[in-house]
Amino acid sequence: MISIMFNDLQPRLTGLIRHKLVYQPGRYLFHRGDPVRRIHFVTAGTVHLVRHLPSGAPLVIQRAGSGDLVAEASLYAAKYHCDAIATTETSIRAFAKRELLIRIAADPALAAALLKRLAAELQHARFHAEILSLKTVASRLDAWMEWNGTVPAKGEWARLASELGVSAEALYREMAIRRAKT
């Protein structure tokens, strides 16, 4: 992923009305069905885009960190299609959607930078779909680790379970099995 995207784009966004916002863990940036008025860039912290399965279980469809654009598809949507939740204390720079679209149309270099970012996000989304197609928790965890490296700290396992589309209990069992083997 292009984690420095905001820093690369920041000079091109000069002059746009922006809001500097700070969200505490658990606070929503927006809810599914809200009208899209702002586009959010994470400057520090982490935001999860979440859809809830029919069972009520959350499914993380994006994990946006520092330098990432949140819900980039919303740039061309009337309403958000998911919830955005800060998972850590998170700083955001939010730009008016309408103004950003006008700037993109006028600045080919900005449009190219965003296109590059969207291509990286598409690659990640496809990989995430591949993970979710795997049958076992072990297979999903192996694939996730191949893409991301090591497993996050124990306090982050519930979040990881959401991202893998499995219950926290199933992930904990898999982690216990792996620890027993080492």
N, C-alpha and C. Protein backbone atom coordinates (compact mmCIF):
# COMPACT_ATOMS: atom_id res chain seq x y z
N MET A 1 0.83 -1.18 0.00
CA MET A 1 0.00 0.00 0.00
C MET A 1 0.88 1.24 0.00
N ILE A 2 0.29 2.32 -0.41
CA ILE A 2 1.01 3.58 -0.50
C ILE A 2 0.73 4.36 0.77
N SER A 3 1.51 4.11 1.80
CA SER A 3 1.22 4.70 3.09
C SER A 3 1.58 6.17 3.19
N ILE A 4 2.31 6.71 2.22
CA ILE A 4 2.68 8.12 2.27
C ILE A 4 1.81 8.95 1.34
N MET A 5 0.70 8.40 0.91
CA MET A 5 -0.13 9.07 -0.08
C MET A 5 -0.53 10.48 0.34
N PHE A 6 -0.97 10.67 1.56
CA PHE A 6 -1.43 12.00 1.96
C PHE A 6 -0.28 12.99 1.86
N ASN A 7 0.92 12.59 2.29
CA ASN A 7 2.06 13.50 2.20
C ASN A 7 2.36 13.86 0.76
N ASP A 8 2.20 12.92 -0.16
CA ASP A 8 2.41 13.21 -1.58
C ASP A 8 1.33 14.12 -2.14
N LEU A 9 0.13 14.00 -1.64
CA LEU A 9 -0.99 14.78 -2.16
C LEU A 9 -1.15 16.12 -1.47
N GLN A 10 -0.66 16.24 -0.26
CA GLN A 10 -0.91 17.44 0.53
C GLN A 10 -0.62 18.74 -0.21
N PRO A 11 0.53 18.87 -0.90
CA PRO A 11 0.77 20.14 -1.62
C PRO A 11 -0.29 20.42 -2.70
N ARG A 12 -0.84 19.38 -3.30
CA ARG A 12 -1.85 19.56 -4.35
C ARG A 12 -3.22 19.91 -3.78
N LEU A 13 -3.39 19.70 -2.49
CA LEU A 13 -4.67 19.96 -1.84
C LEU A 13 -4.70 21.34 -1.16
N THR A 14 -3.60 22.06 -1.27
CA THR A 14 -3.53 23.39 -0.67
C THR A 14 -4.66 24.26 -1.20
N GLY A 15 -5.27 24.96 -0.29
CA GLY A 15 -6.35 25.87 -0.68
C GLY A 15 -7.73 25.27 -0.56
N LEU A 16 -7.82 23.96 -0.49
CA LEU A 16 -9.13 23.34 -0.30
C LEU A 16 -9.56 23.52 1.15
N ILE A 17 -10.83 23.71 1.35
CA ILE A 17 -11.34 23.78 2.72
C ILE A 17 -11.15 22.41 3.35
N ARG A 18 -10.54 22.41 4.50
CA ARG A 18 -10.32 21.13 5.18
C ARG A 18 -10.64 21.28 6.65
N HIS A 19 -11.00 20.17 7.22
CA HIS A 19 -11.30 20.13 8.64
C HIS A 19 -10.32 19.17 9.28
N LYS A 20 -9.70 19.60 10.37
CA LYS A 20 -8.84 18.71 11.15
C LYS A 20 -9.69 18.16 12.28
N LEU A 21 -9.85 16.85 12.29
CA LEU A 21 -10.73 16.20 13.25
C LEU A 21 -9.96 15.15 14.01
N VAL A 22 -10.33 14.94 15.27
CA VAL A 22 -9.74 13.87 16.08
C VAL A 22 -10.87 13.00 16.60
N TYR A 23 -10.72 11.71 16.41
CA TYR A 23 -11.73 10.74 16.84
C TYR A 23 -11.12 9.81 17.88
N GLN A 24 -11.86 9.56 18.94
CA GLN A 24 -11.45 8.62 19.97
C GLN A 24 -11.83 7.20 19.52
N PRO A 25 -11.16 6.17 20.06
CA PRO A 25 -11.50 4.80 19.69
C PRO A 25 -12.99 4.51 19.88
N GLY A 26 -13.59 3.88 18.88
CA GLY A 26 -15.00 3.53 18.94
C GLY A 26 -15.93 4.59 18.35
N ARG A 27 -15.42 5.77 18.07
CA ARG A 27 -16.25 6.84 17.51
C ARG A 27 -16.37 6.67 16.00
N TYR A 28 -17.57 6.92 15.50
CA TYR A 28 -17.85 6.77 14.07
C TYR A 28 -17.49 8.05 13.33
N LEU A 29 -16.83 7.89 12.17
CA LEU A 29 -16.62 9.02 11.26
C LEU A 29 -17.89 9.25 10.47
N PHE A 30 -18.52 8.14 10.06
CA PHE A 30 -19.80 8.18 9.37
C PHE A 30 -20.46 6.82 9.46
N HIS A 31 -21.76 6.80 9.16
CA HIS A 31 -22.55 5.57 9.18
C HIS A 31 -23.02 5.23 7.78
N ARG A 32 -23.27 3.96 7.59
CA ARG A 32 -23.85 3.49 6.34
C ARG A 32 -25.14 4.26 6.06
N GLY A 33 -25.28 4.76 4.85
CA GLY A 33 -26.47 5.51 4.46
C GLY A 33 -26.34 7.01 4.62
N ASP A 34 -25.30 7.48 5.35
CA ASP A 34 -25.08 8.92 5.47
C ASP A 34 -24.70 9.49 4.10
N PRO A 35 -25.11 10.71 3.81
CA PRO A 35 -24.67 11.33 2.55
C PRO A 35 -23.17 11.61 2.58
N VAL A 36 -22.52 11.44 1.44
CA VAL A 36 -21.08 11.69 1.36
C VAL A 36 -20.86 13.18 1.09
N ARG A 37 -20.33 13.84 2.08
CA ARG A 37 -20.03 15.28 1.94
C ARG A 37 -18.55 15.56 2.05
N ARG A 38 -17.83 14.67 2.74
CA ARG A 38 -16.40 14.85 2.96
C ARG A 38 -15.65 13.58 2.59
N ILE A 39 -14.39 13.80 2.21
CA ILE A 39 -13.48 12.70 1.96
C ILE A 39 -12.41 12.79 3.04
N HIS A 40 -12.14 11.66 3.68
CA HIS A 40 -11.29 11.63 4.86
C HIS A 40 -9.92 11.02 4.56
N PHE A 41 -8.87 11.72 5.00
CA PHE A 41 -7.50 11.22 4.96
C PHE A 41 -7.04 11.03 6.40
N VAL A 42 -6.50 9.86 6.70
CA VAL A 42 -5.99 9.58 8.04
C VAL A 42 -4.58 10.15 8.14
N THR A 43 -4.34 11.01 9.13
CA THR A 43 -2.99 11.53 9.35
C THR A 43 -2.30 10.81 10.50
N ALA A 44 -3.07 10.20 11.39
CA ALA A 44 -2.52 9.38 12.48
C ALA A 44 -3.65 8.49 13.01
N GLY A 45 -3.29 7.27 13.39
CA GLY A 45 -4.29 6.36 13.94
C GLY A 45 -4.80 5.36 12.92
N THR A 46 -5.93 4.74 13.24
CA THR A 46 -6.50 3.70 12.39
C THR A 46 -8.02 3.80 12.36
N VAL A 47 -8.56 3.63 11.16
CA VAL A 47 -10.00 3.61 10.94
C VAL A 47 -10.35 2.31 10.24
N HIS A 48 -11.42 1.68 10.68
CA HIS A 48 -11.93 0.48 10.00
C HIS A 48 -13.23 0.81 9.29
N LEU A 49 -13.34 0.39 8.05
CA LEU A 49 -14.63 0.39 7.37
C LEU A 49 -15.26 -0.95 7.66
N VAL A 50 -16.49 -0.92 8.14
CA VAL A 50 -17.13 -2.14 8.62
C VAL A 50 -18.51 -2.29 7.98
N ARG A 51 -18.79 -3.50 7.54
CA ARG A 51 -20.14 -3.89 7.17
C ARG A 51 -20.53 -5.00 8.13
N HIS A 52 -21.81 -5.03 8.46
CA HIS A 52 -22.28 -6.06 9.37
C HIS A 52 -22.97 -7.17 8.58
N LEU A 53 -22.56 -8.40 8.89
CA LEU A 53 -23.13 -9.58 8.24
C LEU A 53 -24.56 -9.78 8.74
N PRO A 54 -25.36 -10.57 8.04
CA PRO A 54 -26.73 -10.83 8.50
C PRO A 54 -26.80 -11.33 9.94
N SER A 55 -25.74 -12.02 10.37
CA SER A 55 -25.68 -12.52 11.75
C SER A 55 -25.41 -11.40 12.75
N GLY A 56 -25.06 -10.23 12.25
CA GLY A 56 -24.71 -9.11 13.12
C GLY A 56 -23.22 -8.97 13.33
N ALA A 57 -22.46 -9.98 12.92
CA ALA A 57 -21.01 -9.94 13.09
C ALA A 57 -20.40 -8.86 12.18
N PRO A 58 -19.43 -8.11 12.70
CA PRO A 58 -18.79 -7.08 11.86
C PRO A 58 -17.78 -7.72 10.91
N LEU A 59 -17.68 -7.15 9.72
CA LEU A 59 -16.69 -7.58 8.74
C LEU A 59 -15.91 -6.34 8.33
N VAL A 60 -14.62 -6.34 8.62
CA VAL A 60 -13.77 -5.21 8.26
C VAL A 60 -13.45 -5.30 6.78
N ILE A 61 -13.82 -4.26 6.03
CA ILE A 61 -13.54 -4.26 4.59
C ILE A 61 -12.40 -3.33 4.22
N GLN A 62 -11.98 -2.48 5.15
CA GLN A 62 -10.79 -1.66 4.95
C GLN A 62 -10.22 -1.31 6.31
N ARG A 63 -8.90 -1.33 6.37
CA ARG A 63 -8.18 -0.87 7.55
C ARG A 63 -7.29 0.27 7.07
N ALA A 64 -7.70 1.50 7.37
CA ALA A 64 -6.98 2.69 6.91
C ALA A 64 -6.10 3.23 8.02
N GLY A 65 -4.83 3.42 7.72
CA GLY A 65 -3.89 3.96 8.68
C GLY A 65 -3.34 5.29 8.19
N SER A 66 -2.33 5.75 8.87
CA SER A 66 -1.73 7.04 8.55
C SER A 66 -1.35 7.12 7.07
N GLY A 67 -1.82 8.18 6.42
CA GLY A 67 -1.54 8.38 5.00
C GLY A 67 -2.59 7.80 4.08
N ASP A 68 -3.57 7.11 4.63
CA ASP A 68 -4.58 6.45 3.80
C ASP A 68 -5.83 7.29 3.62
N LEU A 69 -6.46 7.08 2.51
CA LEU A 69 -7.77 7.65 2.19
C LEU A 69 -8.82 6.67 2.69
N VAL A 70 -9.85 7.16 3.35
CA VAL A 70 -10.90 6.30 3.91
C VAL A 70 -12.07 6.25 2.93
N ALA A 71 -12.53 5.06 2.61
CA ALA A 71 -13.71 4.86 1.77
C ALA A 71 -13.59 5.62 0.45
N GLU A 72 -12.49 5.38 -0.24
CA GLU A 72 -12.22 6.11 -1.48
C GLU A 72 -13.31 5.98 -2.53
N ALA A 73 -14.03 4.87 -2.55
CA ALA A 73 -15.12 4.70 -3.51
C ALA A 73 -16.24 5.71 -3.26
N SER A 74 -16.29 6.25 -2.07
CA SER A 74 -17.32 7.23 -1.73
C SER A 74 -17.13 8.55 -2.48
N LEU A 75 -15.98 8.74 -3.03
CA LEU A 75 -15.73 9.95 -3.81
C LEU A 75 -16.74 10.06 -4.95
N TYR A 76 -17.22 8.92 -5.44
CA TYR A 76 -18.18 8.90 -6.55
C TYR A 76 -19.51 8.27 -6.15
N ALA A 77 -19.85 8.36 -4.88
CA ALA A 77 -21.12 7.81 -4.39
C ALA A 77 -21.92 8.91 -3.70
N ALA A 78 -23.21 8.75 -3.67
CA ALA A 78 -24.07 9.72 -2.98
C ALA A 78 -24.12 9.43 -1.48
N LYS A 79 -24.07 8.12 -1.12
CA LYS A 79 -24.17 7.72 0.29
C LYS A 79 -23.08 6.71 0.60
N TYR A 80 -22.68 6.69 1.87
CA TYR A 80 -21.70 5.70 2.31
C TYR A 80 -22.35 4.32 2.33
N HIS A 81 -21.57 3.31 1.97
CA HIS A 81 -22.07 1.94 1.92
C HIS A 81 -21.62 1.10 3.11
N CYS A 82 -21.00 1.75 4.10
CA CYS A 82 -20.53 1.04 5.28
C CYS A 82 -20.34 2.05 6.41
N ASP A 83 -19.94 1.56 7.56
CA ASP A 83 -19.62 2.42 8.70
C ASP A 83 -18.11 2.62 8.75
N ALA A 84 -17.67 3.77 9.23
CA ALA A 84 -16.24 4.02 9.47
C ALA A 84 -16.07 4.30 10.96
N ILE A 85 -15.19 3.51 11.59
CA ILE A 85 -15.01 3.58 13.04
C ILE A 85 -13.52 3.75 13.36
N ALA A 86 -13.21 4.72 14.19
CA ALA A 86 -11.83 4.87 14.68
C ALA A 86 -11.55 3.72 15.64
N THR A 87 -10.42 3.03 15.44
CA THR A 87 -10.07 1.93 16.34
C THR A 87 -8.99 2.35 17.33
N THR A 88 -8.34 3.46 17.05
CA THR A 88 -7.37 4.08 17.95
C THR A 88 -7.68 5.57 17.94
N GLU A 89 -7.00 6.34 18.78
CA GLU A 89 -7.17 7.78 18.64
C GLU A 89 -6.68 8.14 17.24
N THR A 90 -7.52 8.79 16.48
CA THR A 90 -7.26 9.01 15.06
C THR A 90 -7.43 10.47 14.68
N SER A 91 -6.44 10.96 13.95
CA SER A 91 -6.51 12.31 13.40
C SER A 91 -6.84 12.22 11.93
N ILE A 92 -7.75 13.08 11.52
CA ILE A 92 -8.27 13.07 10.15
C ILE A 92 -8.15 14.47 9.56
N ARG A 93 -7.88 14.53 8.28
CA ARG A 93 -8.09 15.75 7.52
C ARG A 93 -9.21 15.42 6.55
N ALA A 94 -10.29 16.14 6.67
CA ALA A 94 -11.46 15.91 5.82
C ALA A 94 -11.61 17.07 4.84
N PHE A 95 -11.83 16.71 3.58
CA PHE A 95 -11.99 17.70 2.51
C PHE A 95 -13.39 17.60 1.95
N ALA A 96 -13.94 18.71 1.56
CA ALA A 96 -15.26 18.72 0.94
C ALA A 96 -15.20 17.92 -0.36
N LYS A 97 -16.08 16.95 -0.49
CA LYS A 97 -16.10 16.07 -1.65
C LYS A 97 -16.20 16.87 -2.95
N ARG A 98 -17.12 17.79 -3.00
CA ARG A 98 -17.36 18.56 -4.23
C ARG A 98 -16.10 19.31 -4.65
N GLU A 99 -15.45 19.97 -3.70
CA GLU A 99 -14.23 20.73 -4.02
C GLU A 99 -13.11 19.81 -4.47
N LEU A 100 -12.99 18.65 -3.83
CA LEU A 100 -11.94 17.70 -4.20
C LEU A 100 -12.17 17.19 -5.63
N LEU A 101 -13.41 16.90 -5.99
CA LEU A 101 -13.69 16.44 -7.35
C LEU A 101 -13.34 17.51 -8.39
N ILE A 102 -13.61 18.75 -8.08
CA ILE A 102 -13.26 19.85 -8.99
C ILE A 102 -11.74 19.93 -9.15
N ARG A 103 -11.02 19.80 -8.04
CA ARG A 103 -9.55 19.86 -8.09
C ARG A 103 -8.99 18.68 -8.88
N ILE A 104 -9.55 17.49 -8.69
CA ILE A 104 -9.09 16.31 -9.44
C ILE A 104 -9.26 16.53 -10.94
N ALA A 105 -10.39 17.09 -11.33
CA ALA A 105 -10.65 17.33 -12.75
C ALA A 105 -9.67 18.35 -13.33
N ALA A 106 -9.18 19.27 -12.51
CA ALA A 106 -8.30 20.33 -13.00
C ALA A 106 -6.81 19.97 -12.89
N ASP A 107 -6.47 18.92 -12.16
CA ASP A 107 -5.06 18.60 -11.88
C ASP A 107 -4.76 17.16 -12.26
N PRO A 108 -4.22 16.93 -13.47
CA PRO A 108 -3.92 15.55 -13.90
C PRO A 108 -2.94 14.82 -12.99
N ALA A 109 -2.00 15.53 -12.38
CA ALA A 109 -1.05 14.87 -11.48
C ALA A 109 -1.76 14.37 -10.21
N LEU A 110 -2.70 15.15 -9.71
CA LEU A 110 -3.50 14.72 -8.57
C LEU A 110 -4.34 13.51 -8.95
N ALA A 111 -4.96 13.57 -10.12
CA ALA A 111 -5.77 12.44 -10.59
C ALA A 111 -4.92 11.19 -10.73
N ALA A 112 -3.70 11.32 -11.25
CA ALA A 112 -2.81 10.16 -11.40
C ALA A 112 -2.40 9.60 -10.05
N ALA A 113 -2.11 10.46 -9.08
CA ALA A 113 -1.73 9.99 -7.75
C ALA A 113 -2.89 9.23 -7.10
N LEU A 114 -4.09 9.75 -7.26
CA LEU A 114 -5.26 9.06 -6.70
C LEU A 114 -5.50 7.73 -7.41
N LEU A 115 -5.32 7.71 -8.72
CA LEU A 115 -5.49 6.47 -9.48
C LEU A 115 -4.49 5.41 -9.02
N LYS A 116 -3.26 5.84 -8.78
CA LYS A 116 -2.25 4.91 -8.28
C LYS A 116 -2.67 4.34 -6.92
N ARG A 117 -3.19 5.20 -6.08
CA ARG A 117 -3.66 4.76 -4.76
C ARG A 117 -4.82 3.79 -4.88
N LEU A 118 -5.76 4.11 -5.76
CA LEU A 118 -6.92 3.25 -5.94
C LEU A 118 -6.52 1.87 -6.47
N ALA A 119 -5.51 1.84 -7.34
CA ALA A 119 -5.02 0.55 -7.85
C ALA A 119 -4.45 -0.28 -6.70
N ALA A 120 -3.71 0.35 -5.79
CA ALA A 120 -3.16 -0.38 -4.64
C ALA A 120 -4.30 -0.89 -3.75
N GLU A 121 -5.32 -0.07 -3.54
CA GLU A 121 -6.46 -0.50 -2.73
C GLU A 121 -7.21 -1.65 -3.40
N LEU A 122 -7.33 -1.62 -4.71
CA LEU A 122 -7.99 -2.71 -5.43
C LEU A 122 -7.21 -4.01 -5.26
N GLN A 123 -5.89 -3.93 -5.35
CA GLN A 123 -5.08 -5.12 -5.12
C GLN A 123 -5.33 -5.68 -3.71
N HIS A 124 -5.37 -4.79 -2.76
CA HIS A 124 -5.61 -5.23 -1.38
C HIS A 124 -7.00 -5.83 -1.23
N ALA A 125 -8.00 -5.21 -1.83
CA ALA A 125 -9.37 -5.72 -1.74
C ALA A 125 -9.48 -7.11 -2.36
N ARG A 126 -8.81 -7.30 -3.47
CA ARG A 126 -8.83 -8.63 -4.11
C ARG A 126 -8.16 -9.67 -3.23
N PHE A 127 -7.06 -9.28 -2.60
CA PHE A 127 -6.39 -10.21 -1.70
C PHE A 127 -7.28 -10.53 -0.51
N HIS A 128 -7.97 -9.52 0.01
CA HIS A 128 -8.88 -9.73 1.14
C HIS A 128 -10.00 -10.68 0.74
N ALA A 129 -10.53 -10.52 -0.46
CA ALA A 129 -11.57 -11.44 -0.95
C ALA A 129 -11.02 -12.86 -1.04
N GLU A 130 -9.78 -12.97 -1.46
CA GLU A 130 -9.14 -14.29 -1.54
C GLU A 130 -9.05 -14.91 -0.14
N ILE A 131 -8.65 -14.12 0.84
CA ILE A 131 -8.57 -14.63 2.21
C ILE A 131 -9.94 -15.13 2.66
N LEU A 132 -10.97 -14.34 2.41
CA LEU A 132 -12.31 -14.72 2.86
C LEU A 132 -12.84 -15.96 2.15
N SER A 133 -12.27 -16.30 0.99
CA SER A 133 -12.71 -17.50 0.29
C SER A 133 -12.09 -18.77 0.85
N LEU A 134 -11.07 -18.63 1.66
CA LEU A 134 -10.41 -19.80 2.24
C LEU A 134 -11.30 -20.40 3.32
N LYS A 135 -11.27 -21.72 3.42
CA LYS A 135 -12.22 -22.44 4.28
C LYS A 135 -11.87 -22.43 5.76
N THR A 136 -10.58 -22.51 6.10
CA THR A 136 -10.23 -22.68 7.50
C THR A 136 -9.62 -21.41 8.09
N VAL A 137 -9.72 -21.30 9.39
CA VAL A 137 -9.11 -20.18 10.11
C VAL A 137 -7.60 -20.21 9.88
N ALA A 138 -7.01 -21.41 9.93
CA ALA A 138 -5.56 -21.54 9.73
C ALA A 138 -5.15 -21.02 8.35
N SER A 139 -5.90 -21.38 7.33
CA SER A 139 -5.57 -20.92 5.97
C SER A 139 -5.71 -19.41 5.85
N ARG A 140 -6.76 -18.87 6.44
CA ARG A 140 -6.96 -17.42 6.39
C ARG A 140 -5.84 -16.69 7.12
N LEU A 141 -5.47 -17.20 8.27
CA LEU A 141 -4.40 -16.57 9.05
C LEU A 141 -3.07 -16.67 8.31
N ASP A 142 -2.78 -17.82 7.71
CA ASP A 142 -1.54 -17.97 6.94
C ASP A 142 -1.48 -16.95 5.79
N ALA A 143 -2.58 -16.81 5.07
CA ALA A 143 -2.62 -15.87 3.95
C ALA A 143 -2.46 -14.43 4.45
N TRP A 144 -3.13 -14.11 5.54
CA TRP A 144 -3.03 -12.76 6.10
C TRP A 144 -1.60 -12.46 6.50
N MET A 145 -0.95 -13.43 7.14
CA MET A 145 0.43 -13.24 7.58
C MET A 145 1.38 -13.09 6.39
N GLU A 146 1.11 -13.81 5.32
CA GLU A 146 1.94 -13.69 4.11
C GLU A 146 1.86 -12.26 3.56
N TRP A 147 0.68 -11.66 3.61
CA TRP A 147 0.47 -10.30 3.08
C TRP A 147 0.99 -9.24 4.04
N ASN A 148 0.76 -9.43 5.34
CA ASN A 148 1.02 -8.39 6.33
C ASN A 148 2.25 -8.61 7.21
N GLY A 149 2.81 -9.80 7.19
CA GLY A 149 3.94 -10.08 8.08
C GLY A 149 3.48 -10.79 9.33
N THR A 150 3.96 -10.36 10.46
CA THR A 150 3.67 -11.04 11.71
C THR A 150 2.26 -10.72 12.21
N VAL A 151 1.80 -11.57 13.10
CA VAL A 151 0.48 -11.39 13.72
C VAL A 151 0.55 -10.20 14.67
N PRO A 152 -0.50 -9.39 14.72
CA PRO A 152 -0.48 -8.26 15.65
C PRO A 152 -0.48 -8.73 17.11
N ALA A 153 -0.22 -7.81 18.00
CA ALA A 153 -0.20 -8.10 19.44
C ALA A 153 -1.55 -8.67 19.88
N LYS A 154 -1.52 -9.42 20.97
CA LYS A 154 -2.71 -10.11 21.46
C LYS A 154 -3.91 -9.18 21.63
N GLY A 155 -3.71 -7.96 22.05
CA GLY A 155 -4.80 -7.01 22.22
C GLY A 155 -5.50 -6.64 20.92
N GLU A 156 -4.90 -6.98 19.78
CA GLU A 156 -5.45 -6.68 18.47
C GLU A 156 -6.11 -7.89 17.80
N TRP A 157 -6.15 -9.02 18.49
CA TRP A 157 -6.67 -10.24 17.87
C TRP A 157 -8.15 -10.17 17.53
N ALA A 158 -8.94 -9.51 18.33
CA ALA A 158 -10.37 -9.40 18.00
C ALA A 158 -10.55 -8.63 16.70
N ARG A 159 -9.76 -7.57 16.51
CA ARG A 159 -9.79 -6.81 15.26
C ARG A 159 -9.35 -7.69 14.09
N LEU A 160 -8.30 -8.47 14.31
CA LEU A 160 -7.81 -9.37 13.27
C LEU A 160 -8.88 -10.40 12.91
N ALA A 161 -9.57 -10.93 13.90
CA ALA A 161 -10.65 -11.90 13.64
C ALA A 161 -11.71 -11.27 12.74
N SER A 162 -12.08 -10.03 13.02
CA SER A 162 -13.06 -9.34 12.17
C SER A 162 -12.55 -9.24 10.74
N GLU A 163 -11.29 -8.88 10.61
CA GLU A 163 -10.71 -8.73 9.27
C GLU A 163 -10.68 -10.06 8.53
N LEU A 164 -10.45 -11.15 9.27
CA LEU A 164 -10.42 -12.48 8.65
C LEU A 164 -11.81 -13.05 8.42
N GLY A 165 -12.82 -12.43 9.01
CA GLY A 165 -14.18 -12.92 8.85
C GLY A 165 -14.44 -14.17 9.67
N VAL A 166 -13.79 -14.27 10.84
CA VAL A 166 -13.97 -15.41 11.73
C VAL A 166 -14.30 -14.88 13.12
N SER A 167 -14.79 -15.75 13.99
CA SER A 167 -15.06 -15.32 15.36
C SER A 167 -13.74 -15.16 16.11
N ALA A 168 -13.76 -14.31 17.11
CA ALA A 168 -12.56 -14.13 17.94
C ALA A 168 -12.16 -15.45 18.59
N GLU A 169 -13.17 -16.21 19.03
CA GLU A 169 -12.88 -17.49 19.68
C GLU A 169 -12.16 -18.45 18.74
N ALA A 170 -12.58 -18.50 17.48
CA ALA A 170 -11.94 -19.39 16.51
C ALA A 170 -10.49 -18.97 16.28
N LEU A 171 -10.25 -17.67 16.20
CA LEU A 171 -8.88 -17.19 16.02
C LEU A 171 -8.04 -17.51 17.25
N TYR A 172 -8.60 -17.31 18.45
CA TYR A 172 -7.85 -17.61 19.67
C TYR A 172 -7.48 -19.08 19.72
N ARG A 173 -8.39 -19.95 19.33
CA ARG A 173 -8.09 -21.39 19.30
C ARG A 173 -6.93 -21.66 18.34
N GLU A 174 -6.97 -21.06 17.16
CA GLU A 174 -5.90 -21.26 16.18
C GLU A 174 -4.57 -20.74 16.71
N MET A 175 -4.60 -19.62 17.39
CA MET A 175 -3.36 -19.07 17.95
C MET A 175 -2.82 -20.00 19.04
N ALA A 176 -3.70 -20.59 19.84
CA ALA A 176 -3.27 -21.53 20.89
C ALA A 176 -2.64 -22.76 20.26
N ILE A 177 -3.22 -23.26 19.18
CA ILE A 177 -2.66 -24.43 18.48
C ILE A 177 -1.26 -24.10 17.97
N ARG A 178 -1.09 -22.92 17.42
CA ARG A 178 0.23 -22.53 16.88
C ARG A 178 1.25 -22.37 18.00
N ARG A 179 0.83 -21.82 19.13
CA ARG A 179 1.75 -21.66 20.25
C ARG A 179 2.18 -23.01 20.79
N ALA A 180 1.25 -23.96 20.81
CA ALA A 180 1.55 -25.30 21.33
C ALA A 180 2.57 -26.03 20.44
N LYS A 181 2.59 -25.69 19.15
CA LYS A 181 3.51 -26.32 18.21
C LYS A 181 4.92 -25.76 18.30
N THR A 182 5.06 -24.58 18.89
CA THR A 182 6.41 -23.96 18.95
C THR A 182 7.14 -24.27 20.22
